[in-house]
Amino acid sequence: IIGHSTGGLIGLYYVKKLGGHARVRKLIMMGTPVRGTWAALAGVATLGLWSTSSWQLLPRSRFLDELAQGPIPPGVEVHTIAAARDWVVPLSTTRLSGASATTVPLGHSSLVVSEEVYRRVVHTLRPPPHDQLIDQDPAATD
């Protein structure tokens, strides 16, 4: 799964809370507000009570606190790509315990159009070289 911003939270929720760990090997979250973002106040101000998702994205929301509970399920590699100049989702709010973290010198929206980010995503999704496969049967190589 590759998710940008809130899309990364959806992927993480699927993996941790809906049994998605049985189907997902890698989750890449780009500019994802794992610890919330104060930018969600804009949604609260414009959409008010009708915008449940805006309230959920605020720091220390019940949704984010529940999502933070427990480790990343075994067998799922989680990678975060954060933008150093992201004013929507600041770098510090993208960190997730147990995830591999990368920072790029971009802004929030640039994450989805950057060639550098594309290359990093492709590299992350590639399987390891044949000689580095963990599940390799030793008898098969004799």
N, C-alpha and C. Protein backbone atom coordinates (compact mmCIF):
# COMPACT_ATOMS: atom_id res chain seq x y z
N ILE A 1 0.86 -1.17 0.00
CA ILE A 1 0.00 0.00 0.00
C ILE A 1 0.90 1.23 0.00
N ILE A 2 0.55 2.19 -0.81
CA ILE A 2 1.22 3.49 -0.82
C ILE A 2 0.15 4.53 -0.54
N GLY A 3 0.35 5.33 0.51
CA GLY A 3 -0.64 6.34 0.85
C GLY A 3 0.00 7.68 1.13
N HIS A 4 -0.62 8.73 0.62
CA HIS A 4 -0.15 10.09 0.86
C HIS A 4 -1.07 10.76 1.87
N SER A 5 -0.48 11.40 2.86
CA SER A 5 -1.20 12.16 3.86
C SER A 5 -2.19 11.26 4.60
N THR A 6 -3.47 11.57 4.57
CA THR A 6 -4.47 10.75 5.25
C THR A 6 -4.52 9.34 4.67
N GLY A 7 -4.17 9.19 3.41
CA GLY A 7 -4.13 7.86 2.79
C GLY A 7 -3.18 6.92 3.51
N GLY A 8 -2.10 7.46 4.05
CA GLY A 8 -1.18 6.64 4.84
C GLY A 8 -1.83 6.15 6.12
N LEU A 9 -2.65 7.00 6.74
CA LEU A 9 -3.37 6.58 7.95
C LEU A 9 -4.38 5.49 7.64
N ILE A 10 -5.01 5.59 6.49
CA ILE A 10 -5.97 4.56 6.09
C ILE A 10 -5.25 3.22 5.93
N GLY A 11 -4.08 3.24 5.28
CA GLY A 11 -3.29 2.02 5.13
C GLY A 11 -2.85 1.45 6.47
N LEU A 12 -2.41 2.31 7.37
CA LEU A 12 -1.98 1.86 8.69
C LEU A 12 -3.15 1.29 9.48
N TYR A 13 -4.31 1.90 9.37
CA TYR A 13 -5.51 1.39 10.05
C TYR A 13 -5.87 0.01 9.51
N TYR A 14 -5.80 -0.14 8.22
CA TYR A 14 -6.10 -1.43 7.58
C TYR A 14 -5.15 -2.51 8.11
N VAL A 15 -3.86 -2.21 8.15
CA VAL A 15 -2.85 -3.17 8.57
C VAL A 15 -2.99 -3.52 10.06
N LYS A 16 -3.22 -2.50 10.90
CA LYS A 16 -3.24 -2.72 12.35
C LYS A 16 -4.60 -3.12 12.91
N LYS A 17 -5.68 -2.64 12.32
CA LYS A 17 -6.99 -2.82 12.95
C LYS A 17 -7.97 -3.70 12.17
N LEU A 18 -7.75 -3.89 10.88
CA LEU A 18 -8.72 -4.62 10.06
C LEU A 18 -8.17 -5.93 9.49
N GLY A 19 -7.05 -6.39 10.03
CA GLY A 19 -6.50 -7.65 9.57
C GLY A 19 -5.72 -7.56 8.28
N GLY A 20 -5.42 -6.37 7.81
CA GLY A 20 -4.69 -6.20 6.56
C GLY A 20 -3.28 -6.74 6.59
N HIS A 21 -2.73 -6.95 7.80
CA HIS A 21 -1.37 -7.49 7.90
C HIS A 21 -1.25 -8.86 7.22
N ALA A 22 -2.35 -9.56 7.05
CA ALA A 22 -2.32 -10.87 6.39
C ALA A 22 -2.15 -10.73 4.88
N ARG A 23 -2.41 -9.55 4.35
CA ARG A 23 -2.34 -9.34 2.89
C ARG A 23 -1.32 -8.31 2.45
N VAL A 24 -0.81 -7.53 3.37
CA VAL A 24 0.09 -6.43 3.02
C VAL A 24 1.51 -6.76 3.50
N ARG A 25 2.46 -6.67 2.58
CA ARG A 25 3.86 -6.89 2.95
C ARG A 25 4.57 -5.57 3.23
N LYS A 26 4.19 -4.52 2.47
CA LYS A 26 4.85 -3.22 2.63
C LYS A 26 3.80 -2.12 2.63
N LEU A 27 4.01 -1.17 3.53
CA LEU A 27 3.17 0.03 3.61
C LEU A 27 4.11 1.22 3.52
N ILE A 28 3.89 2.07 2.54
CA ILE A 28 4.68 3.29 2.38
C ILE A 28 3.75 4.48 2.64
N MET A 29 4.11 5.27 3.65
CA MET A 29 3.30 6.42 4.02
C MET A 29 4.09 7.69 3.70
N MET A 30 3.52 8.55 2.87
CA MET A 30 4.19 9.77 2.43
C MET A 30 3.48 10.98 3.04
N GLY A 31 4.20 11.74 3.87
CA GLY A 31 3.60 12.93 4.47
C GLY A 31 2.38 12.59 5.30
N THR A 32 2.45 11.51 6.06
CA THR A 32 1.30 11.04 6.83
C THR A 32 1.36 11.56 8.26
N PRO A 33 0.29 12.21 8.73
CA PRO A 33 0.28 12.79 10.08
C PRO A 33 -0.01 11.75 11.16
N VAL A 34 0.93 10.85 11.39
CA VAL A 34 0.75 9.78 12.37
C VAL A 34 0.46 10.35 13.76
N ARG A 35 1.04 11.49 14.06
CA ARG A 35 0.82 12.14 15.37
C ARG A 35 -0.13 13.33 15.27
N GLY A 36 -0.81 13.44 14.14
CA GLY A 36 -1.78 14.51 13.96
C GLY A 36 -1.17 15.76 13.36
N THR A 37 -2.03 16.66 12.95
CA THR A 37 -1.59 17.93 12.39
C THR A 37 -2.58 19.03 12.76
N TRP A 38 -2.02 20.16 13.14
CA TRP A 38 -2.87 21.31 13.46
C TRP A 38 -3.50 21.90 12.21
N ALA A 39 -3.00 21.55 11.05
CA ALA A 39 -3.61 22.02 9.80
C ALA A 39 -5.04 21.49 9.67
N ALA A 40 -5.38 20.44 10.39
CA ALA A 40 -6.75 19.90 10.36
C ALA A 40 -7.75 20.91 10.92
N LEU A 41 -7.27 21.89 11.66
CA LEU A 41 -8.18 22.94 12.16
C LEU A 41 -8.86 23.68 11.03
N ALA A 42 -8.20 23.77 9.87
CA ALA A 42 -8.82 24.41 8.72
C ALA A 42 -10.08 23.66 8.31
N GLY A 43 -10.02 22.34 8.35
CA GLY A 43 -11.21 21.53 8.05
C GLY A 43 -12.28 21.69 9.09
N VAL A 44 -11.88 21.75 10.34
CA VAL A 44 -12.85 21.96 11.42
C VAL A 44 -13.52 23.32 11.27
N ALA A 45 -12.73 24.35 10.94
CA ALA A 45 -13.27 25.70 10.81
C ALA A 45 -14.23 25.83 9.64
N THR A 46 -13.94 25.13 8.54
CA THR A 46 -14.79 25.28 7.35
C THR A 46 -15.94 24.28 7.31
N LEU A 47 -15.73 23.08 7.84
CA LEU A 47 -16.77 22.05 7.77
C LEU A 47 -17.42 21.75 9.11
N GLY A 48 -16.79 22.22 10.18
CA GLY A 48 -17.38 22.10 11.51
C GLY A 48 -17.68 20.68 11.94
N LEU A 49 -18.82 20.52 12.55
CA LEU A 49 -19.22 19.24 13.12
C LEU A 49 -19.43 18.15 12.08
N TRP A 50 -19.62 18.51 10.83
CA TRP A 50 -19.87 17.52 9.79
C TRP A 50 -18.60 16.83 9.31
N SER A 51 -17.47 17.31 9.74
CA SER A 51 -16.20 16.77 9.26
C SER A 51 -15.52 15.93 10.33
N THR A 52 -15.97 14.71 10.50
CA THR A 52 -15.38 13.81 11.49
C THR A 52 -13.89 13.61 11.22
N SER A 53 -13.51 13.47 9.96
CA SER A 53 -12.11 13.20 9.64
C SER A 53 -11.20 14.36 10.04
N SER A 54 -11.68 15.58 9.97
CA SER A 54 -10.85 16.71 10.40
C SER A 54 -10.54 16.62 11.89
N TRP A 55 -11.52 16.27 12.68
CA TRP A 55 -11.31 16.12 14.12
C TRP A 55 -10.34 14.97 14.40
N GLN A 56 -10.43 13.91 13.62
CA GLN A 56 -9.57 12.74 13.82
C GLN A 56 -8.10 13.04 13.52
N LEU A 57 -7.83 14.02 12.69
CA LEU A 57 -6.46 14.35 12.31
C LEU A 57 -5.78 15.30 13.28
N LEU A 58 -6.49 15.81 14.25
CA LEU A 58 -5.88 16.72 15.22
C LEU A 58 -4.97 15.93 16.17
N PRO A 59 -3.86 16.53 16.60
CA PRO A 59 -2.98 15.85 17.55
C PRO A 59 -3.75 15.39 18.79
N ARG A 60 -3.41 14.20 19.25
CA ARG A 60 -4.01 13.58 20.44
C ARG A 60 -5.49 13.24 20.28
N SER A 61 -5.96 13.11 19.05
CA SER A 61 -7.35 12.68 18.85
C SER A 61 -7.49 11.23 19.32
N ARG A 62 -8.68 10.84 19.67
CA ARG A 62 -8.92 9.46 20.10
C ARG A 62 -8.55 8.48 18.99
N PHE A 63 -8.87 8.82 17.75
CA PHE A 63 -8.54 7.97 16.61
C PHE A 63 -7.03 7.72 16.52
N LEU A 64 -6.24 8.80 16.56
CA LEU A 64 -4.78 8.65 16.44
C LEU A 64 -4.18 7.97 17.65
N ASP A 65 -4.72 8.23 18.83
CA ASP A 65 -4.22 7.56 20.04
C ASP A 65 -4.47 6.06 19.95
N GLU A 66 -5.64 5.65 19.49
CA GLU A 66 -5.95 4.22 19.34
C GLU A 66 -5.09 3.59 18.25
N LEU A 67 -4.85 4.31 17.18
CA LEU A 67 -4.04 3.79 16.08
C LEU A 67 -2.59 3.61 16.52
N ALA A 68 -2.12 4.43 17.43
CA ALA A 68 -0.74 4.35 17.91
C ALA A 68 -0.51 3.17 18.86
N GLN A 69 -1.59 2.63 19.40
CA GLN A 69 -1.44 1.53 20.35
C GLN A 69 -0.99 0.26 19.64
N GLY A 70 -0.08 -0.44 20.27
CA GLY A 70 0.40 -1.70 19.74
C GLY A 70 1.44 -1.52 18.65
N PRO A 71 2.25 -2.54 18.47
CA PRO A 71 3.31 -2.47 17.46
C PRO A 71 2.77 -2.69 16.05
N ILE A 72 3.63 -2.44 15.09
CA ILE A 72 3.32 -2.80 13.71
C ILE A 72 3.29 -4.32 13.64
N PRO A 73 2.28 -4.91 13.02
CA PRO A 73 2.21 -6.37 12.97
C PRO A 73 3.43 -7.00 12.29
N PRO A 74 3.86 -8.15 12.77
CA PRO A 74 5.00 -8.82 12.15
C PRO A 74 4.72 -9.13 10.68
N GLY A 75 5.76 -9.08 9.89
CA GLY A 75 5.63 -9.39 8.47
C GLY A 75 5.29 -8.20 7.60
N VAL A 76 5.00 -7.05 8.21
CA VAL A 76 4.69 -5.85 7.45
C VAL A 76 5.83 -4.84 7.60
N GLU A 77 6.44 -4.48 6.49
CA GLU A 77 7.45 -3.43 6.49
C GLU A 77 6.74 -2.09 6.33
N VAL A 78 7.01 -1.17 7.23
CA VAL A 78 6.41 0.16 7.13
C VAL A 78 7.52 1.18 6.89
N HIS A 79 7.32 2.00 5.88
CA HIS A 79 8.27 3.05 5.51
C HIS A 79 7.55 4.39 5.51
N THR A 80 8.20 5.40 6.07
CA THR A 80 7.64 6.74 6.00
C THR A 80 8.57 7.61 5.17
N ILE A 81 7.97 8.43 4.33
CA ILE A 81 8.71 9.43 3.57
C ILE A 81 8.11 10.77 3.96
N ALA A 82 8.93 11.59 4.59
CA ALA A 82 8.46 12.88 5.08
C ALA A 82 9.16 14.00 4.33
N ALA A 83 8.47 15.12 4.21
CA ALA A 83 9.01 16.29 3.52
C ALA A 83 9.54 17.29 4.55
N ALA A 84 10.79 17.69 4.39
CA ALA A 84 11.43 18.60 5.34
C ALA A 84 10.76 19.97 5.38
N ARG A 85 10.17 20.39 4.26
CA ARG A 85 9.53 21.72 4.19
C ARG A 85 8.00 21.60 4.15
N ASP A 86 7.49 20.62 4.86
CA ASP A 86 6.04 20.36 4.89
C ASP A 86 5.41 21.18 6.00
N TRP A 87 4.58 22.16 5.63
CA TRP A 87 3.90 22.99 6.62
C TRP A 87 2.54 22.41 6.98
N VAL A 88 2.06 21.44 6.20
CA VAL A 88 0.77 20.79 6.48
C VAL A 88 0.96 19.67 7.50
N VAL A 89 1.96 18.84 7.26
CA VAL A 89 2.28 17.72 8.14
C VAL A 89 3.77 17.83 8.50
N PRO A 90 4.08 18.54 9.58
CA PRO A 90 5.48 18.73 9.95
C PRO A 90 6.22 17.41 10.17
N LEU A 91 7.49 17.45 9.89
CA LEU A 91 8.35 16.27 9.96
C LEU A 91 8.16 15.49 11.26
N SER A 92 8.12 16.16 12.38
CA SER A 92 8.02 15.48 13.67
C SER A 92 6.73 14.68 13.84
N THR A 93 5.71 15.01 13.08
CA THR A 93 4.43 14.30 13.23
C THR A 93 4.33 13.07 12.34
N THR A 94 5.37 12.80 11.54
CA THR A 94 5.33 11.67 10.62
C THR A 94 6.05 10.44 11.15
N ARG A 95 6.74 10.58 12.27
CA ARG A 95 7.55 9.48 12.80
C ARG A 95 6.68 8.41 13.45
N LEU A 96 7.01 7.16 13.13
CA LEU A 96 6.26 6.01 13.64
C LEU A 96 7.24 4.98 14.15
N SER A 97 7.08 4.57 15.38
CA SER A 97 7.96 3.57 15.97
C SER A 97 7.89 2.27 15.17
N GLY A 98 9.05 1.74 14.83
CA GLY A 98 9.12 0.50 14.07
C GLY A 98 9.15 0.68 12.57
N ALA A 99 9.01 1.91 12.11
CA ALA A 99 9.02 2.19 10.67
C ALA A 99 10.39 2.70 10.23
N SER A 100 10.72 2.46 9.00
CA SER A 100 11.92 3.00 8.39
C SER A 100 11.58 4.40 7.89
N ALA A 101 12.33 5.41 8.33
CA ALA A 101 12.01 6.80 8.02
C ALA A 101 12.99 7.41 7.03
N THR A 102 12.45 8.14 6.06
CA THR A 102 13.24 8.88 5.08
C THR A 102 12.71 10.31 5.02
N THR A 103 13.62 11.26 4.89
CA THR A 103 13.22 12.66 4.75
C THR A 103 13.76 13.19 3.43
N VAL A 104 12.93 13.92 2.72
CA VAL A 104 13.33 14.53 1.45
C VAL A 104 13.13 16.04 1.55
N PRO A 105 13.92 16.82 0.80
CA PRO A 105 13.85 18.29 0.91
C PRO A 105 12.73 18.90 0.07
N LEU A 106 11.50 18.56 0.40
CA LEU A 106 10.34 18.98 -0.38
C LEU A 106 9.25 19.52 0.53
N GLY A 107 8.10 19.83 -0.09
CA GLY A 107 6.90 20.21 0.63
C GLY A 107 5.86 19.09 0.54
N HIS A 108 4.74 19.27 1.20
CA HIS A 108 3.71 18.23 1.31
C HIS A 108 3.20 17.74 -0.05
N SER A 109 2.75 18.63 -0.89
CA SER A 109 2.19 18.24 -2.19
C SER A 109 3.25 17.70 -3.14
N SER A 110 4.48 18.13 -2.97
CA SER A 110 5.57 17.68 -3.86
C SER A 110 5.85 16.20 -3.72
N LEU A 111 5.45 15.60 -2.62
CA LEU A 111 5.71 14.18 -2.41
C LEU A 111 5.08 13.30 -3.50
N VAL A 112 3.97 13.74 -4.05
CA VAL A 112 3.27 12.91 -5.04
C VAL A 112 3.71 13.18 -6.48
N VAL A 113 4.59 14.17 -6.69
CA VAL A 113 5.04 14.47 -8.05
C VAL A 113 6.56 14.42 -8.19
N SER A 114 7.26 14.18 -7.12
CA SER A 114 8.72 14.20 -7.13
C SER A 114 9.32 12.94 -7.74
N GLU A 115 10.26 13.13 -8.66
CA GLU A 115 10.96 11.99 -9.24
C GLU A 115 11.81 11.29 -8.19
N GLU A 116 12.40 12.04 -7.28
CA GLU A 116 13.22 11.44 -6.21
C GLU A 116 12.35 10.52 -5.33
N VAL A 117 11.17 10.98 -4.97
CA VAL A 117 10.27 10.17 -4.15
C VAL A 117 9.84 8.93 -4.94
N TYR A 118 9.54 9.10 -6.21
CA TYR A 118 9.17 7.97 -7.06
C TYR A 118 10.28 6.90 -7.04
N ARG A 119 11.52 7.33 -7.21
CA ARG A 119 12.65 6.38 -7.20
C ARG A 119 12.76 5.66 -5.86
N ARG A 120 12.55 6.38 -4.79
CA ARG A 120 12.62 5.76 -3.45
C ARG A 120 11.50 4.74 -3.27
N VAL A 121 10.31 5.07 -3.74
CA VAL A 121 9.18 4.15 -3.63
C VAL A 121 9.46 2.89 -4.44
N VAL A 122 9.91 3.05 -5.67
CA VAL A 122 10.21 1.89 -6.52
C VAL A 122 11.28 1.02 -5.86
N HIS A 123 12.33 1.64 -5.34
CA HIS A 123 13.40 0.90 -4.67
C HIS A 123 12.85 0.11 -3.47
N THR A 124 11.98 0.73 -2.70
CA THR A 124 11.40 0.09 -1.53
C THR A 124 10.52 -1.10 -1.91
N LEU A 125 9.81 -0.97 -3.02
CA LEU A 125 8.89 -2.04 -3.43
C LEU A 125 9.58 -3.22 -4.10
N ARG A 126 10.79 -3.01 -4.61
CA ARG A 126 11.50 -4.11 -5.27
C ARG A 126 11.80 -5.22 -4.27
N PRO A 127 11.67 -6.47 -4.71
CA PRO A 127 12.03 -7.58 -3.82
C PRO A 127 13.55 -7.62 -3.64
N PRO A 128 14.02 -8.22 -2.54
CA PRO A 128 15.47 -8.31 -2.34
C PRO A 128 16.10 -9.20 -3.40
N PRO A 129 17.40 -9.04 -3.65
CA PRO A 129 18.08 -9.92 -4.59
C PRO A 129 17.90 -11.38 -4.16
N HIS A 130 17.95 -12.27 -5.12
CA HIS A 130 17.69 -13.69 -4.87
C HIS A 130 18.54 -14.25 -3.73
N ASP A 131 19.79 -13.85 -3.63
CA ASP A 131 20.67 -14.39 -2.60
C ASP A 131 20.38 -13.81 -1.21
N GLN A 132 19.45 -12.85 -1.11
CA GLN A 132 19.10 -12.28 0.19
C GLN A 132 17.70 -12.66 0.64
N LEU A 133 17.04 -13.55 -0.08
CA LEU A 133 15.70 -13.95 0.31
C LEU A 133 15.72 -14.70 1.63
N ILE A 134 14.90 -14.30 2.56
CA ILE A 134 14.87 -14.89 3.90
C ILE A 134 14.23 -16.27 3.88
N ASP A 135 13.17 -16.44 3.11
CA ASP A 135 12.41 -17.69 3.13
C ASP A 135 12.99 -18.74 2.18
N GLN A 136 14.17 -18.54 1.71
CA GLN A 136 14.78 -19.46 0.75
C GLN A 136 15.02 -20.82 1.40
N ASP A 137 14.69 -21.89 0.70
CA ASP A 137 14.90 -23.25 1.16
C ASP A 137 16.35 -23.63 0.91
N PRO A 138 17.16 -23.91 1.97
CA PRO A 138 18.58 -24.23 1.76
C PRO A 138 18.78 -25.45 0.88
N ALA A 139 17.87 -26.41 0.92
CA ALA A 139 18.00 -27.63 0.11
C ALA A 139 17.84 -27.33 -1.36
N ALA A 140 17.12 -26.26 -1.68
CA ALA A 140 16.88 -25.93 -3.08
C ALA A 140 18.13 -25.38 -3.76
N THR A 141 19.10 -24.90 -2.99
CA THR A 141 20.30 -24.31 -3.60
C THR A 141 21.44 -25.31 -3.71
N ASP A 142 21.27 -26.50 -3.18
CA ASP A 142 22.34 -27.52 -3.26
C ASP A 142 22.37 -28.20 -4.60
